[in-house]
Amino acid sequence: MIETGLAASFADVREAAERLRGVAHRTPVVTSATLDGQTGAHVFLKAENLQRIGAFKFRGAYNKIAQLTLEQRRGGVVAFSSGNHAQGVALAAKLLEVAATIVMPSDAPAAKLAATRGYGAEIVTYDRERMNRSELAASIAAERGATLVPPYDDPAIIAGQGTVALELLEDAGALDVLMVPLGGGGLLSGCSLAASALSPGVRIYGVEPEAGDDWVRSWREDRIVAIPVPKTIADGQQTQAPGELTWPIVRRLAAGVVTVTDDEIRAAMRFAFERLKLVVEPSGASALAALLFEKIDVRSARVGVVISGGNVDPATFAACIAG
């Protein structure tokens, strides 16, 4: 694997794993005879819905904040997020005794807003249709002398998220295929670094909502393509363009990107609940949906699937699994 010129490396993922040891949960790898029989593959699900704050985002946030200098910690941190990164930064900051301010859309799921406040963070809301969240967060950080903690486009964030695949491969062994939910690309880029190093030849795929196909368009044109804010139940995947740092990693190391519909995501959530006894949020179920609806040929393969999160409010979850 060639990592020259990329924002992060597999060595960075290894170092992140050491920082996270004893802090982040080593989430279980779940298997299912029913799922294997239905797909014709040997499937290993990495259950990050059981991670602290209910999603993988805690990994990158902690890895980033843990590396701040004492002076930077005194200035606090600012982040922008629809929910899971917000909670990850809020908890990581609390554990490291750093003040946190989170810029969140006014229509973010109530459960995610409440959880973020519960970790002690200050929340500043904005209208996602009319305001630029990154510009707002950068302005607040500049005013307060705080450090900006991006949701995905940062080397430390990427490395922290890569520990998901590192653990999966350590526990499950070599894989033929790895399927990862895709928003801004922090999780996929980090997992690509780890998987390509530990399981040479593995085919790595990102999975995004059909309504938010910025990565598919970018892949097709071999450049970063931006789209309007997508309308999808997968609120964690409502990004508009690949990250400047995540795009080169994914383009070099991944095999491709596929999409799933909102109905396919709902079906995957229902399958996870009924057959696996897992509560999975829409964004977290996208890779499982791609597996169940045969978006990628996995017959007879050893397949890793990342379940990226489980933060969904009861009413939304009930509506999704009701069919």
C-alpha atoms as a PDB file:
ATOM      1  CA  MET A   1       0.000   0.000   0.000  1.00  0.00           C
ATOM      2  CA  ILE A   2       1.277   3.463  -0.917  1.00  0.00           C
ATOM      3  CA  GLU A   3       0.350   6.240   1.509  1.00  0.00           C
ATOM      4  CA  THR A   4       2.706   8.944   0.222  1.00  0.00           C
ATOM      5  CA  GLY A   5       1.018  12.327   0.013  1.00  0.00           C
ATOM      6  CA  LEU A   6      -2.091  11.320   1.966  1.00  0.00           C
ATOM      7  CA  ALA A   7      -3.298  13.213   5.041  1.00  0.00           C
ATOM      8  CA  ALA A   8      -2.982  10.193   7.346  1.00  0.00           C
ATOM      9  CA  SER A   9      -1.271   6.800   7.368  1.00  0.00           C
ATOM     10  CA  PHE A  10      -1.761   3.364   8.867  1.00  0.00           C
ATOM     11  CA  ALA A  11       0.905   4.285  11.444  1.00  0.00           C
ATOM     12  CA  ASP A  12      -1.403   7.119  12.549  1.00  0.00           C
ATOM     13  CA  VAL A  13      -4.250   4.627  12.961  1.00  0.00           C
ATOM     14  CA  ARG A  14      -2.006   2.426  15.135  1.00  0.00           C
ATOM     15  CA  GLU A  15      -1.109   5.414  17.318  1.00  0.00           C
ATOM     16  CA  ALA A  16      -4.774   6.368  17.615  1.00  0.00           C
ATOM     17  CA  ALA A  17      -5.569   2.853  18.804  1.00  0.00           C
ATOM     18  CA  GLU A  18      -3.085   3.275  21.653  1.00  0.00           C
ATOM     19  CA  ARG A  19      -4.678   6.580  22.709  1.00  0.00           C
ATOM     20  CA  LEU A  20      -8.117   5.004  22.640  1.00  0.00           C
ATOM     21  CA  ARG A  21      -7.128   1.870  24.528  1.00  0.00           C
ATOM     22  CA  GLY A  22      -9.190   1.675  27.701  1.00  0.00           C
ATOM     23  CA  VAL A  23     -11.188   4.764  26.712  1.00  0.00           C
ATOM     24  CA  ALA A  24     -13.233   3.736  23.673  1.00  0.00           C
ATOM     25  CA  HIS A  25     -15.181   0.483  23.769  1.00  0.00           C
ATOM     26  CA  ARG A  26     -13.811  -2.379  21.724  1.00  0.00           C
ATOM     27  CA  THR A  27     -17.174  -3.023  20.132  1.00  0.00           C
ATOM     28  CA  PRO A  28     -18.235  -6.579  19.307  1.00  0.00           C
ATOM     29  CA  VAL A  29     -18.097  -8.248  15.927  1.00  0.00           C
ATOM     30  CA  VAL A  30     -21.524  -9.768  15.344  1.00  0.00           C
ATOM     31  CA  THR A  31     -22.219 -12.768  13.100  1.00  0.00           C
ATOM     32  CA  SER A  32     -25.492 -14.336  11.986  1.00  0.00           C
ATOM     33  CA  ALA A  33     -26.190 -17.675  10.319  1.00  0.00           C
ATOM     34  CA  THR A  34     -29.373 -16.148   8.903  1.00  0.00           C
ATOM     35  CA  LEU A  35     -27.456 -13.275   7.348  1.00  0.00           C
ATOM     36  CA  ASP A  36     -24.816 -15.615   5.935  1.00  0.00           C
ATOM     37  CA  GLY A  37     -27.502 -17.818   4.434  1.00  0.00           C
ATOM     38  CA  GLN A  38     -29.346 -14.884   2.909  1.00  0.00           C
ATOM     39  CA  THR A  39     -26.253 -13.328   1.338  1.00  0.00           C
ATOM     40  CA  GLY A  40     -24.191 -16.417   0.512  1.00  0.00           C
ATOM     41  CA  ALA A  41     -21.251 -14.842   2.306  1.00  0.00           C
ATOM     42  CA  HIS A  42     -19.504 -15.065   5.673  1.00  0.00           C
ATOM     43  CA  VAL A  43     -20.417 -11.716   7.222  1.00  0.00           C
ATOM     44  CA  PHE A  44     -18.831  -9.904  10.164  1.00  0.00           C
ATOM     45  CA  LEU A  45     -20.673  -6.851  11.488  1.00  0.00           C
ATOM     46  CA  LYS A  46     -18.697  -4.278  13.485  1.00  0.00           C
ATOM     47  CA  ALA A  47     -21.311  -2.945  15.925  1.00  0.00           C
ATOM     48  CA  GLU A  48     -20.297   0.678  16.485  1.00  0.00           C
ATOM     49  CA  ASN A  49     -23.864   1.398  17.573  1.00  0.00           C
ATOM     50  CA  LEU A  50     -22.585  -0.033  20.875  1.00  0.00           C
ATOM     51  CA  GLN A  51     -19.687   2.442  21.049  1.00  0.00           C
ATOM     52  CA  ARG A  52     -19.611   5.233  23.635  1.00  0.00           C
ATOM     53  CA  ILE A  53     -22.155   7.919  22.611  1.00  0.00           C
ATOM     54  CA  GLY A  54     -23.703   5.280  20.350  1.00  0.00           C
ATOM     55  CA  ALA A  55     -21.493   5.807  17.301  1.00  0.00           C
ATOM     56  CA  PHE A  56     -17.961   5.557  15.904  1.00  0.00           C
ATOM     57  CA  LYS A  57     -17.533   9.338  16.055  1.00  0.00           C
ATOM     58  CA  PHE A  58     -16.183   9.193  19.610  1.00  0.00           C
ATOM     59  CA  ARG A  59     -12.988   7.592  18.313  1.00  0.00           C
ATOM     60  CA  GLY A  60     -11.906  10.427  16.050  1.00  0.00           C
ATOM     61  CA  ALA A  61     -13.020  13.156  18.419  1.00  0.00           C
ATOM     62  CA  TYR A  62     -11.050  11.746  21.342  1.00  0.00           C
ATOM     63  CA  ASN A  63      -7.972  11.119  19.206  1.00  0.00           C
ATOM     64  CA  LYS A  64      -8.053  14.744  18.033  1.00  0.00           C
ATOM     65  CA  ILE A  65      -8.662  16.442  21.386  1.00  0.00           C
ATOM     66  CA  ALA A  66      -6.198  14.198  23.241  1.00  0.00           C
ATOM     67  CA  GLN A  67      -3.399  15.595  21.069  1.00  0.00           C
ATOM     68  CA  LEU A  68      -4.089  19.271  21.816  1.00  0.00           C
ATOM     69  CA  THR A  69      -1.472  21.217  23.739  1.00  0.00           C
ATOM     70  CA  LEU A  70      -2.253  22.518  27.225  1.00  0.00           C
ATOM     71  CA  GLU A  71      -2.718  26.012  25.807  1.00  0.00           C
ATOM     72  CA  GLN A  72      -5.100  24.733  23.135  1.00  0.00           C
ATOM     73  CA  ARG A  73      -7.099  22.831  25.741  1.00  0.00           C
ATOM     74  CA  ARG A  74      -7.520  25.992  27.776  1.00  0.00           C
ATOM     75  CA  GLY A  75      -9.041  27.683  24.718  1.00  0.00           C
ATOM     76  CA  GLY A  76     -11.651  24.958  24.326  1.00  0.00           C
ATOM     77  CA  VAL A  77     -12.934  23.303  21.171  1.00  0.00           C
ATOM     78  CA  VAL A  78     -15.659  24.045  18.625  1.00  0.00           C
ATOM     79  CA  ALA A  79     -17.301  21.484  16.345  1.00  0.00           C
ATOM     80  CA  PHE A  80     -20.164  21.351  13.839  1.00  0.00           C
ATOM     81  CA  SER A  81     -22.331  18.266  13.454  1.00  0.00           C
ATOM     82  CA  SER A  82     -25.831  16.906  12.866  1.00  0.00           C
ATOM     83  CA  GLY A  83     -25.485  14.765  15.944  1.00  0.00           C
ATOM     84  CA  ASN A  84     -22.995  11.939  16.374  1.00  0.00           C
ATOM     85  CA  HIS A  85     -19.824  13.994  15.964  1.00  0.00           C
ATOM     86  CA  ALA A  86     -21.406  16.518  18.308  1.00  0.00           C
ATOM     87  CA  GLN A  87     -21.835  13.869  20.973  1.00  0.00           C
ATOM     88  CA  GLY A  88     -18.386  12.439  20.331  1.00  0.00           C
ATOM     89  CA  VAL A  89     -16.709  15.821  20.761  1.00  0.00           C
ATOM     90  CA  ALA A  90     -18.846  16.663  23.796  1.00  0.00           C
ATOM     91  CA  LEU A  91     -17.932  13.442  25.625  1.00  0.00           C
ATOM     92  CA  ALA A  92     -14.276  13.503  24.603  1.00  0.00           C
ATOM     93  CA  ALA A  93     -13.998  17.108  25.770  1.00  0.00           C
ATOM     94  CA  LYS A  94     -15.670  16.247  29.065  1.00  0.00           C
ATOM     95  CA  LEU A  95     -13.282  13.343  29.677  1.00  0.00           C
ATOM     96  CA  LEU A  96     -10.282  15.535  28.865  1.00  0.00           C
ATOM     97  CA  GLU A  97     -11.666  18.523  30.823  1.00  0.00           C
ATOM     98  CA  VAL A  98     -11.928  20.813  27.802  1.00  0.00           C
ATOM     99  CA  ALA A  99     -14.806  23.250  27.191  1.00  0.00           C
ATOM    100  CA  ALA A 100     -16.820  22.388  24.059  1.00  0.00           C
ATOM    101  CA  THR A 101     -19.166  24.400  21.845  1.00  0.00           C
ATOM    102  CA  ILE A 102     -21.120  22.527  19.183  1.00  0.00           C
ATOM    103  CA  VAL A 103     -22.791  24.051  16.120  1.00  0.00           C
ATOM    104  CA  MET A 104     -25.832  21.887  15.298  1.00  0.00           C
ATOM    105  CA  PRO A 105     -28.676  22.252  12.776  1.00  0.00           C
ATOM    106  CA  SER A 106     -31.944  23.373  14.324  1.00  0.00           C
ATOM    107  CA  ASP A 107     -33.653  20.294  12.853  1.00  0.00           C
ATOM    108  CA  ALA A 108     -31.160  17.789  14.315  1.00  0.00           C
ATOM    109  CA  PRO A 109     -32.815  14.774  15.972  1.00  0.00           C
ATOM    110  CA  ALA A 110     -34.045  15.704  19.448  1.00  0.00           C
ATOM    111  CA  ALA A 111     -32.273  12.721  20.986  1.00  0.00           C
ATOM    112  CA  LYS A 112     -28.930  13.887  19.614  1.00  0.00           C
ATOM    113  CA  LEU A 113     -29.454  17.467  20.797  1.00  0.00           C
ATOM    114  CA  ALA A 114     -30.389  16.258  24.274  1.00  0.00           C
ATOM    115  CA  ALA A 115     -27.464  13.851  24.493  1.00  0.00           C
ATOM    116  CA  THR A 116     -24.975  16.520  23.419  1.00  0.00           C
ATOM    117  CA  ARG A 117     -26.256  18.915  26.072  1.00  0.00           C
ATOM    118  CA  GLY A 118     -26.136  16.061  28.555  1.00  0.00           C
ATOM    119  CA  TYR A 119     -22.371  15.764  28.085  1.00  0.00           C
ATOM    120  CA  GLY A 120     -22.000  19.402  29.114  1.00  0.00           C
ATOM    121  CA  ALA A 121     -21.419  21.062  25.736  1.00  0.00           C
ATOM    122  CA  GLU A 122     -22.797  24.465  24.741  1.00  0.00           C
ATOM    123  CA  ILE A 123     -24.981  24.220  21.620  1.00  0.00           C
ATOM    124  CA  VAL A 124     -25.355  26.895  18.935  1.00  0.00           C
ATOM    125  CA  THR A 125     -28.071  26.078  16.384  1.00  0.00           C
ATOM    126  CA  TYR A 126     -28.312  27.132  12.723  1.00  0.00           C
ATOM    127  CA  ASP A 127     -30.577  26.692   9.694  1.00  0.00           C
ATOM    128  CA  ARG A 128     -28.920  24.072   7.473  1.00  0.00           C
ATOM    129  CA  GLU A 129     -30.803  25.334   4.414  1.00  0.00           C
ATOM    130  CA  ARG A 130     -29.596  28.939   4.748  1.00  0.00           C
ATOM    131  CA  MET A 131     -26.357  28.979   6.752  1.00  0.00           C
ATOM    132  CA  ASN A 132     -22.894  27.498   6.264  1.00  0.00           C
ATOM    133  CA  ARG A 133     -22.116  25.476   9.377  1.00  0.00           C
ATOM    134  CA  SER A 134     -18.366  25.300   8.849  1.00  0.00           C
ATOM    135  CA  GLU A 135     -18.104  29.068   8.422  1.00  0.00           C
ATOM    136  CA  LEU A 136     -20.203  29.657  11.538  1.00  0.00           C
ATOM    137  CA  ALA A 137     -18.096  27.235  13.589  1.00  0.00           C
ATOM    138  CA  ALA A 138     -14.847  28.767  12.308  1.00  0.00           C
ATOM    139  CA  SER A 139     -16.098  32.234  13.243  1.00  0.00           C
ATOM    140  CA  ILE A 140     -16.968  31.128  16.788  1.00  0.00           C
ATOM    141  CA  ALA A 141     -13.605  29.381  17.171  1.00  0.00           C
ATOM    142  CA  ALA A 142     -11.756  32.513  16.024  1.00  0.00           C
ATOM    143  CA  GLU A 143     -13.702  34.740  18.401  1.00  0.00           C
ATOM    144  CA  ARG A 144     -13.017  32.482  21.385  1.00  0.00           C
ATOM    145  CA  GLY A 145      -9.497  31.377  20.558  1.00  0.00           C
ATOM    146  CA  ALA A 146     -10.754  27.784  20.431  1.00  0.00           C
ATOM    147  CA  THR A 147      -9.611  24.846  18.321  1.00  0.00           C
ATOM    148  CA  LEU A 148     -11.911  23.667  15.540  1.00  0.00           C
ATOM    149  CA  VAL A 149     -12.597  19.914  15.554  1.00  0.00           C
ATOM    150  CA  PRO A 150     -13.944  19.034  12.076  1.00  0.00           C
ATOM    151  CA  PRO A 151     -16.325  16.077  11.644  1.00  0.00           C
ATOM    152  CA  TYR A 152     -14.135  14.277   9.114  1.00  0.00           C
ATOM    153  CA  ASP A 153     -11.576  16.390   7.240  1.00  0.00           C
ATOM    154  CA  ASP A 154      -8.714  16.201   9.736  1.00  0.00           C
ATOM    155  CA  PRO A 155      -5.780  13.752   9.963  1.00  0.00           C
ATOM    156  CA  ALA A 156      -6.419  12.932  13.646  1.00  0.00           C
ATOM    157  CA  ILE A 157     -10.139  12.378  13.020  1.00  0.00           C
ATOM    158  CA  ILE A 158      -9.394  10.097  10.073  1.00  0.00           C
ATOM    159  CA  ALA A 159      -6.861   8.081  12.084  1.00  0.00           C
ATOM    160  CA  GLY A 160      -9.231   7.691  15.014  1.00  0.00           C
ATOM    161  CA  GLN A 161     -12.046   6.418  12.804  1.00  0.00           C
ATOM    162  CA  GLY A 162      -9.641   3.960  11.196  1.00  0.00           C
ATOM    163  CA  THR A 163      -9.464   2.033  14.476  1.00  0.00           C
ATOM    164  CA  VAL A 164     -12.908   0.642  13.611  1.00  0.00           C
ATOM    165  CA  ALA A 165     -11.455  -1.441  10.763  1.00  0.00           C
ATOM    166  CA  LEU A 166      -8.277  -2.139  12.723  1.00  0.00           C
ATOM    167  CA  GLU A 167     -10.284  -3.848  15.468  1.00  0.00           C
ATOM    168  CA  LEU A 168     -12.589  -5.591  12.995  1.00  0.00           C
ATOM    169  CA  LEU A 169      -9.678  -7.182  11.140  1.00  0.00           C
ATOM    170  CA  GLU A 170      -7.865  -8.096  14.341  1.00  0.00           C
ATOM    171  CA  ASP A 171     -10.978  -9.890  15.589  1.00  0.00           C
ATOM    172  CA  ALA A 172     -12.397 -11.348  12.372  1.00  0.00           C
ATOM    173  CA  GLY A 173      -9.244 -11.954  10.340  1.00  0.00           C
ATOM    174  CA  ALA A 174      -8.596 -11.105   6.703  1.00  0.00           C
ATOM    175  CA  LEU A 175     -11.526  -9.946   4.595  1.00  0.00           C
ATOM    176  CA  ASP A 176     -12.371 -10.062   0.897  1.00  0.00           C
ATOM    177  CA  VAL A 177     -14.811  -7.143   1.050  1.00  0.00           C
ATOM    178  CA  LEU A 178     -15.330  -4.258   3.487  1.00  0.00           C
ATOM    179  CA  MET A 179     -18.492  -2.105   3.338  1.00  0.00           C
ATOM    180  CA  VAL A 180     -18.585   1.210   5.198  1.00  0.00           C
ATOM    181  CA  PRO A 181     -21.244   3.941   5.598  1.00  0.00           C
ATOM    182  CA  LEU A 182     -20.128   7.113   3.850  1.00  0.00           C
ATOM    183  CA  GLY A 183     -20.854  10.769   4.597  1.00  0.00           C
ATOM    184  CA  GLY A 184     -17.887  13.119   4.583  1.00  0.00           C
ATOM    185  CA  GLY A 185     -15.470  10.216   4.343  1.00  0.00           C
ATOM    186  CA  GLY A 186     -13.704  10.218   7.711  1.00  0.00           C
ATOM    187  CA  LEU A 187     -14.792   6.683   8.565  1.00  0.00           C
ATOM    188  CA  LEU A 188     -14.227   5.278   5.080  1.00  0.00           C
ATOM    189  CA  SER A 189     -10.816   6.901   4.623  1.00  0.00           C
ATOM    190  CA  GLY A 190      -9.587   5.744   8.029  1.00  0.00           C
ATOM    191  CA  CYS A 191     -10.947   2.243   7.508  1.00  0.00           C
ATOM    192  CA  SER A 192      -9.369   2.146   4.046  1.00  0.00           C
ATOM    193  CA  LEU A 193      -5.949   2.893   5.556  1.00  0.00           C
ATOM    194  CA  ALA A 194      -6.318   0.095   8.095  1.00  0.00           C
ATOM    195  CA  ALA A 195      -7.959  -2.497   5.863  1.00  0.00           C
ATOM    196  CA  SER A 196      -5.587  -2.101   2.919  1.00  0.00           C
ATOM    197  CA  ALA A 197      -2.639  -2.513   5.290  1.00  0.00           C
ATOM    198  CA  LEU A 198      -3.937  -5.487   7.253  1.00  0.00           C
ATOM    199  CA  SER A 199      -5.810  -7.308   4.485  1.00  0.00           C
ATOM    200  CA  PRO A 200      -4.074  -6.670   1.141  1.00  0.00           C
ATOM    201  CA  GLY A 201      -6.393  -7.187  -1.786  1.00  0.00           C
ATOM    202  CA  VAL A 202      -9.550  -6.390   0.169  1.00  0.00           C
ATOM    203  CA  ARG A 203     -12.224  -4.609  -1.871  1.00  0.00           C
ATOM    204  CA  ILE A 204     -13.410  -1.562   0.075  1.00  0.00           C
ATOM    205  CA  TYR A 205     -16.725   0.148  -0.702  1.00  0.00           C
ATOM    206  CA  GLY A 206     -18.390   3.252   0.643  1.00  0.00           C
ATOM    207  CA  VAL A 207     -22.179   3.328   0.876  1.00  0.00           C
ATOM    208  CA  GLU A 208     -24.198   6.542   0.721  1.00  0.00           C
ATOM    209  CA  PRO A 209     -27.915   7.383   0.362  1.00  0.00           C
ATOM    210  CA  GLU A 210     -29.206   7.524  -3.207  1.00  0.00           C
ATOM    211  CA  ALA A 211     -30.508  11.046  -2.534  1.00  0.00           C
ATOM    212  CA  GLY A 212     -27.047  12.196  -1.415  1.00  0.00           C
ATOM    213  CA  ASP A 213     -24.829  10.768  -4.136  1.00  0.00           C
ATOM    214  CA  ASP A 214     -22.001  13.323  -4.013  1.00  0.00           C
ATOM    215  CA  TRP A 215     -19.361  10.585  -3.753  1.00  0.00           C
ATOM    216  CA  VAL A 216     -20.790   8.586  -6.653  1.00  0.00           C
ATOM    217  CA  ARG A 217     -20.781  11.713  -8.819  1.00  0.00           C
ATOM    218  CA  SER A 218     -17.279  12.595  -7.676  1.00  0.00           C
ATOM    219  CA  TRP A 219     -16.049   9.067  -8.402  1.00  0.00           C
ATOM    220  CA  ARG A 220     -17.576   9.178 -11.866  1.00  0.00           C
ATOM    221  CA  GLU A 221     -15.921  12.507 -12.715  1.00  0.00           C
ATOM    222  CA  ASP A 222     -12.700  11.812 -10.796  1.00  0.00           C
ATOM    223  CA  ARG A 223     -12.975  15.104  -8.928  1.00  0.00           C
ATOM    224  CA  ILE A 224     -14.834  16.488  -5.917  1.00  0.00           C
ATOM    225  CA  VAL A 225     -18.425  17.281  -6.901  1.00  0.00           C
ATOM    226  CA  ALA A 226     -20.788  19.176  -4.585  1.00  0.00           C
ATOM    227  CA  ILE A 227     -24.570  18.740  -4.379  1.00  0.00           C
ATOM    228  CA  PRO A 228     -27.388  20.544  -2.519  1.00  0.00           C
ATOM    229  CA  VAL A 229     -28.265  19.331   0.992  1.00  0.00           C
ATOM    230  CA  PRO A 230     -29.806  15.904   0.301  1.00  0.00           C
ATOM    231  CA  LYS A 231     -33.267  14.912   1.492  1.00  0.00           C
ATOM    232  CA  THR A 232     -32.818  11.531   3.179  1.00  0.00           C
ATOM    233  CA  ILE A 233     -33.720   9.802   6.443  1.00  0.00           C
ATOM    234  CA  ALA A 234     -29.979   9.218   6.927  1.00  0.00           C
ATOM    235  CA  ASP A 235     -29.333  12.525   8.706  1.00  0.00           C
ATOM    236  CA  GLY A 236     -25.711  11.623   9.415  1.00  0.00           C
ATOM    237  CA  GLN A 237     -25.085  11.316   5.680  1.00  0.00           C
ATOM    238  CA  GLN A 238     -26.491  14.653   4.564  1.00  0.00           C
ATOM    239  CA  THR A 239     -23.084  15.893   3.489  1.00  0.00           C
ATOM    240  CA  GLN A 240     -22.750  17.826   0.251  1.00  0.00           C
ATOM    241  CA  ALA A 241     -19.277  16.902  -1.002  1.00  0.00           C
ATOM    242  CA  PRO A 242     -16.323  14.629  -0.223  1.00  0.00           C
ATOM    243  CA  GLY A 243     -13.717  16.091   2.110  1.00  0.00           C
ATOM    244  CA  GLU A 244     -10.554  17.643   0.702  1.00  0.00           C
ATOM    245  CA  LEU A 245      -8.456  15.241   2.823  1.00  0.00           C
ATOM    246  CA  THR A 246     -10.721  12.188   2.779  1.00  0.00           C
ATOM    247  CA  TRP A 247     -11.293  12.174  -0.994  1.00  0.00           C
ATOM    248  CA  PRO A 248      -7.680  11.372  -2.033  1.00  0.00           C
ATOM    249  CA  ILE A 249      -7.449   8.510   0.473  1.00  0.00           C
ATOM    250  CA  VAL A 250     -10.720   6.931  -0.595  1.00  0.00           C
ATOM    251  CA  ARG A 251     -10.021   7.441  -4.304  1.00  0.00           C
ATOM    252  CA  ARG A 252      -6.661   5.727  -4.001  1.00  0.00           C
ATOM    253  CA  LEU A 253      -7.539   2.840  -1.697  1.00  0.00           C
ATOM    254  CA  ALA A 254     -11.242   2.028  -2.132  1.00  0.00           C
ATOM    255  CA  ALA A 255     -12.785  -0.042  -4.912  1.00  0.00           C
ATOM    256  CA  GLY A 256     -15.850   2.131  -5.336  1.00  0.00           C
ATOM    257  CA  VAL A 257     -18.979   3.736  -3.930  1.00  0.00           C
ATOM    258  CA  VAL A 258     -22.576   2.497  -4.112  1.00  0.00           C
ATOM    259  CA  THR A 259     -25.923   3.952  -3.068  1.00  0.00           C
ATOM    260  CA  VAL A 260     -28.994   2.679  -1.225  1.00  0.00           C
ATOM    261  CA  THR A 261     -32.520   4.083  -1.096  1.00  0.00           C
ATOM    262  CA  ASP A 262     -34.240   5.234   2.072  1.00  0.00           C
ATOM    263  CA  ASP A 263     -36.594   2.245   1.821  1.00  0.00           C
ATOM    264  CA  GLU A 264     -33.614  -0.108   1.638  1.00  0.00           C
ATOM    265  CA  ILE A 265     -32.159   1.571   4.711  1.00  0.00           C
ATOM    266  CA  ARG A 266     -35.439   1.077   6.559  1.00  0.00           C
ATOM    267  CA  ALA A 267     -35.444  -2.595   5.609  1.00  0.00           C
ATOM    268  CA  ALA A 268     -31.889  -2.969   6.909  1.00  0.00           C
ATOM    269  CA  MET A 269     -32.854  -1.318  10.202  1.00  0.00           C
ATOM    270  CA  ARG A 270     -35.764  -3.730  10.482  1.00  0.00           C
ATOM    271  CA  PHE A 271     -33.532  -6.733   9.739  1.00  0.00           C
ATOM    272  CA  ALA A 272     -30.976  -5.621  12.331  1.00  0.00           C
ATOM    273  CA  PHE A 273     -33.687  -5.267  14.964  1.00  0.00           C
ATOM    274  CA  GLU A 274     -35.612  -8.447  14.204  1.00  0.00           C
ATOM    275  CA  ARG A 275     -32.731 -10.823  13.446  1.00  0.00           C
ATOM    276  CA  LEU A 276     -29.708  -9.342  15.199  1.00  0.00           C
ATOM    277  CA  LYS A 277     -31.419  -7.542  18.101  1.00  0.00           C
ATOM    278  CA  LEU A 278     -29.514  -4.364  17.249  1.00  0.00           C
ATOM    279  CA  VAL A 279     -30.927  -0.835  17.253  1.00  0.00           C
ATOM    280  CA  VAL A 280     -29.337   0.951  14.294  1.00  0.00           C
ATOM    281  CA  GLU A 281     -29.893   4.509  13.093  1.00  0.00           C
ATOM    282  CA  PRO A 282     -30.558   5.168   9.369  1.00  0.00           C
ATOM    283  CA  SER A 283     -26.998   6.288   8.566  1.00  0.00           C
ATOM    284  CA  GLY A 284     -25.602   3.374  10.512  1.00  0.00           C
ATOM    285  CA  ALA A 285     -27.643   0.887   8.494  1.00  0.00           C
ATOM    286  CA  SER A 286     -26.586   1.996   5.000  1.00  0.00           C
ATOM    287  CA  ALA A 287     -23.753  -0.517   4.552  1.00  0.00           C
ATOM    288  CA  LEU A 288     -25.950  -3.344   5.820  1.00  0.00           C
ATOM    289  CA  ALA A 289     -28.608  -2.231   3.321  1.00  0.00           C
ATOM    290  CA  ALA A 290     -26.064  -2.446   0.496  1.00  0.00           C
ATOM    291  CA  LEU A 291     -25.252  -5.987   1.579  1.00  0.00           C
ATOM    292  CA  LEU A 292     -28.874  -7.111   1.884  1.00  0.00           C
ATOM    293  CA  PHE A 293     -29.886  -5.602  -1.459  1.00  0.00           C
ATOM    294  CA  GLU A 294     -26.895  -7.018  -3.339  1.00  0.00           C
ATOM    295  CA  LYS A 295     -25.300  -3.738  -4.377  1.00  0.00           C
ATOM    296  CA  ILE A 296     -21.948  -5.536  -4.383  1.00  0.00           C
ATOM    297  CA  ASP A 297     -21.110  -9.121  -5.375  1.00  0.00           C
ATOM    298  CA  VAL A 298     -20.139 -10.844  -2.118  1.00  0.00           C
ATOM    299  CA  ARG A 299     -21.039 -14.453  -2.900  1.00  0.00           C
ATOM    300  CA  SER A 300     -18.705 -16.853  -1.005  1.00  0.00           C
ATOM    301  CA  ALA A 301     -16.665 -13.907   0.305  1.00  0.00           C
ATOM    302  CA  ARG A 302     -15.582 -12.947   3.808  1.00  0.00           C
ATOM    303  CA  VAL A 303     -17.337  -9.613   4.259  1.00  0.00           C
ATOM    304  CA  GLY A 304     -16.921  -6.931   6.895  1.00  0.00           C
ATOM    305  CA  VAL A 305     -19.796  -4.475   7.373  1.00  0.00           C
ATOM    306  CA  VAL A 306     -19.570  -1.437   9.621  1.00  0.00           C
ATOM    307  CA  ILE A 307     -22.700  -0.571  11.589  1.00  0.00           C
ATOM    308  CA  SER A 308     -21.686   3.006  12.294  1.00  0.00           C
ATOM    309  CA  GLY A 309     -24.241   4.171  14.858  1.00  0.00           C
ATOM    310  CA  GLY A 310     -27.460   3.637  16.758  1.00  0.00           C
ATOM    311  CA  ASN A 311     -28.597   7.115  17.772  1.00  0.00           C
ATOM    312  CA  VAL A 312     -32.190   7.350  16.613  1.00  0.00           C
ATOM    313  CA  ASP A 313     -35.184   8.689  18.520  1.00  0.00           C
ATOM    314  CA  PRO A 314     -37.911   6.148  19.415  1.00  0.00           C
ATOM    315  CA  ALA A 315     -40.588   7.619  17.140  1.00  0.00           C
ATOM    316  CA  THR A 316     -38.339   7.629  14.072  1.00  0.00           C
ATOM    317  CA  PHE A 317     -37.077   4.147  14.827  1.00  0.00           C
ATOM    318  CA  ALA A 318     -40.605   2.799  15.280  1.00  0.00           C
ATOM    319  CA  ALA A 319     -41.714   4.349  11.987  1.00  0.00           C
ATOM    320  CA  CYS A 320     -38.704   2.911  10.147  1.00  0.00           C
ATOM    321  CA  ILE A 321     -39.058  -0.663  11.355  1.00  0.00           C
ATOM    322  CA  ALA A 322     -42.840  -0.724  11.023  1.00  0.00           C
ATOM    323  CA  GLY A 323     -42.472  -1.173   7.274  1.00  0.00           C
END
